[in-house]
Amino acid sequence: MASKDNISAQDYRATAEFRYQIRRFLRASEQIARSFGMNPQQYQLMLALKGLPEDRVATVGEIAERLQIQHHSTVELADRLAAKGLIRRKRDSEDRRQVLLELTAKGDKTIKELAIHHREELRSNGPELVSALKNVLSSIKRARR
């Protein structure tokens, strides 16, 4: 019986390949965002707004959590996107202390165009990413036995 603490060369290769495939996708995503005149974090903020689960409210704090960045960093990203006319801020009607973020019509059009490019990237390179993830998960499953 294999110990859960044993990590084989195959396990390392599987994890390394998965990280490589993630990085390939992220690099392509960064290039797509830059081709639209924004940095990758700005794109991520817009995507977080557009893809926010229905039961969540688009506060600065919620978006900061979704992006896994500090509140003040989210504010800075929002400032830049607002200056480009891609998002707007508004006060929550129930809790005036809360600042809500929303896409403008221009922002909505931009995120749709970005999503089309990202879907194409996933269509062409996604199978390798999925395969790499399956290999890592298989490796973990084998280690549990």
Protein backbone atom coordinates (compact mmCIF):
# COMPACT_ATOMS: atom_id res chain seq x y z
CA MET A 1 0.00 0.00 0.00
CA ALA A 2 1.41 3.38 -1.05
CA SER A 3 1.73 6.12 1.51
CA LYS A 4 -0.11 9.40 0.94
CA ASP A 5 3.22 11.12 1.58
CA ASN A 6 4.97 9.41 -1.33
CA ILE A 7 5.19 11.58 -4.39
CA SER A 8 6.47 9.91 -7.51
CA ALA A 9 8.31 11.40 -10.46
CA GLN A 10 5.10 10.86 -12.41
CA ASP A 11 3.20 12.95 -9.83
CA TYR A 12 5.70 15.79 -10.20
CA ARG A 13 5.49 15.59 -13.99
CA ALA A 14 1.69 15.66 -13.89
CA THR A 15 1.66 18.67 -11.57
CA ALA A 16 4.31 20.47 -13.61
CA GLU A 17 2.36 19.86 -16.82
CA PHE A 18 -0.83 21.16 -15.22
CA ARG A 19 0.94 24.32 -14.04
CA TYR A 20 2.41 24.74 -17.51
CA GLN A 21 -1.01 24.45 -19.16
CA ILE A 22 -2.54 26.91 -16.68
CA ARG A 23 0.30 29.36 -17.37
CA ARG A 24 -0.15 28.98 -21.14
CA PHE A 25 -3.82 29.89 -20.82
CA LEU A 26 -3.10 32.78 -18.47
CA ARG A 27 -0.41 34.15 -20.77
CA ALA A 28 -2.80 34.02 -23.73
CA SER A 29 -5.46 35.70 -21.58
CA GLU A 30 -3.01 38.45 -20.61
CA GLN A 31 -2.17 39.05 -24.27
CA ILE A 32 -5.85 39.21 -25.20
CA ALA A 33 -6.54 41.76 -22.45
CA ARG A 34 -3.58 43.89 -23.51
CA SER A 35 -4.75 43.83 -27.14
CA PHE A 36 -7.89 45.58 -25.85
CA GLY A 37 -5.85 48.25 -24.06
CA MET A 38 -6.23 46.94 -20.54
CA ASN A 39 -4.11 45.02 -18.11
CA PRO A 40 -5.06 41.46 -17.16
CA GLN A 41 -6.35 42.46 -13.71
CA GLN A 42 -8.75 44.95 -15.28
CA TYR A 43 -10.12 42.20 -17.49
CA GLN A 44 -10.46 39.92 -14.46
CA LEU A 45 -12.43 42.59 -12.60
CA MET A 46 -14.79 43.02 -15.55
CA LEU A 47 -15.19 39.25 -15.86
CA ALA A 48 -15.89 38.97 -12.13
CA LEU A 49 -18.63 41.59 -12.51
CA LYS A 50 -20.20 39.93 -15.53
CA GLY A 51 -19.94 36.43 -14.09
CA LEU A 52 -20.88 37.16 -10.49
CA PRO A 53 -23.29 34.54 -9.12
CA GLU A 54 -26.85 35.85 -8.89
CA ASP A 55 -26.91 35.55 -5.10
CA ARG A 56 -23.87 37.85 -4.72
CA VAL A 57 -23.76 41.67 -4.77
CA ALA A 58 -21.04 43.45 -6.76
CA THR A 59 -19.53 45.42 -3.90
CA VAL A 60 -15.88 46.40 -3.97
CA GLY A 61 -15.29 43.92 -1.15
CA GLU A 62 -16.98 41.05 -3.00
CA ILE A 63 -14.99 41.71 -6.16
CA ALA A 64 -11.77 41.97 -4.12
CA GLU A 65 -12.55 38.53 -2.68
CA ARG A 66 -13.29 37.11 -6.14
CA LEU A 67 -9.98 38.47 -7.46
CA GLN A 68 -8.12 37.51 -4.28
CA ILE A 69 -6.63 41.00 -3.99
CA GLN A 70 -6.72 43.76 -1.40
CA HIS A 71 -9.69 46.14 -1.19
CA HIS A 72 -7.55 49.16 -2.10
CA SER A 73 -6.18 47.34 -5.17
CA THR A 74 -9.74 46.68 -6.31
CA VAL A 75 -10.53 50.36 -5.87
CA GLU A 76 -7.52 51.29 -8.02
CA LEU A 77 -8.57 48.86 -10.76
CA ALA A 78 -12.12 50.19 -10.61
CA ASP A 79 -10.81 53.77 -10.88
CA ARG A 80 -8.93 52.92 -14.07
CA LEU A 81 -11.88 51.09 -15.60
CA ALA A 82 -14.26 53.89 -14.68
CA ALA A 83 -11.90 56.41 -16.31
CA LYS A 84 -12.11 54.32 -19.51
CA GLY A 85 -15.90 54.31 -19.30
CA LEU A 86 -16.06 50.53 -18.83
CA ILE A 87 -17.59 50.40 -15.35
CA ARG A 88 -19.43 52.76 -13.03
CA ARG A 89 -19.85 52.99 -9.31
CA LYS A 90 -23.06 53.61 -7.47
CA ARG A 91 -24.09 53.68 -3.85
CA ASP A 92 -26.23 50.84 -2.58
CA SER A 93 -29.75 52.21 -2.08
CA GLU A 94 -30.16 50.25 1.17
CA ASP A 95 -26.68 50.72 2.65
CA ARG A 96 -25.21 54.00 1.42
CA ARG A 97 -21.78 52.98 2.78
CA GLN A 98 -21.58 50.20 0.20
CA VAL A 99 -20.18 51.01 -3.24
CA LEU A 100 -21.50 48.82 -6.01
CA LEU A 101 -19.74 48.27 -9.32
CA GLU A 102 -21.44 47.64 -12.64
CA LEU A 103 -20.44 47.42 -16.26
CA THR A 104 -21.41 50.25 -18.57
CA ALA A 105 -22.80 49.50 -22.04
CA LYS A 106 -19.27 50.01 -23.38
CA GLY A 107 -17.91 47.66 -20.71
CA ASP A 108 -20.53 45.05 -21.51
CA LYS A 109 -19.62 45.18 -25.20
CA THR A 110 -15.91 44.97 -24.37
CA ILE A 111 -16.26 41.98 -22.02
CA LYS A 112 -18.30 40.17 -24.67
CA GLU A 113 -15.54 40.69 -27.25
CA LEU A 114 -12.93 39.55 -24.74
CA ALA A 115 -15.01 36.48 -23.88
CA ILE A 116 -15.21 35.52 -27.56
CA HIS A 117 -11.40 35.60 -27.80
CA HIS A 118 -11.03 33.66 -24.56
CA ARG A 119 -13.50 31.01 -25.69
CA GLU A 120 -11.48 30.55 -28.86
CA GLU A 121 -8.32 30.15 -26.80
CA LEU A 122 -10.05 27.55 -24.62
CA ARG A 123 -11.43 25.77 -27.67
CA SER A 124 -7.97 25.38 -29.13
CA ASN A 125 -5.88 24.78 -25.98
CA GLY A 126 -8.47 23.71 -23.41
CA PRO A 127 -8.21 19.99 -24.13
CA GLU A 128 -4.55 19.99 -23.04
CA LEU A 129 -5.49 21.84 -19.84
CA VAL A 130 -8.29 19.38 -19.09
CA SER A 131 -6.02 16.42 -19.80
CA ALA A 132 -3.34 17.81 -17.49
CA LEU A 133 -5.90 18.35 -14.71
CA LYS A 134 -7.21 14.81 -15.13
CA ASN A 135 -3.66 13.48 -14.81
CA VAL A 136 -3.09 15.39 -11.58
CA LEU A 137 -6.40 14.21 -10.15
CA SER A 138 -5.59 10.62 -11.13
CA SER A 139 -2.26 10.98 -9.39
CA ILE A 140 -3.98 12.19 -6.22
CA LYS A 141 -6.52 9.39 -6.40
CA ARG A 142 -3.72 6.81 -6.73
CA ALA A 143 -1.97 8.29 -3.68
CA ARG A 144 -5.09 7.81 -1.54
CA ARG A 145 -5.09 4.07 -2.10
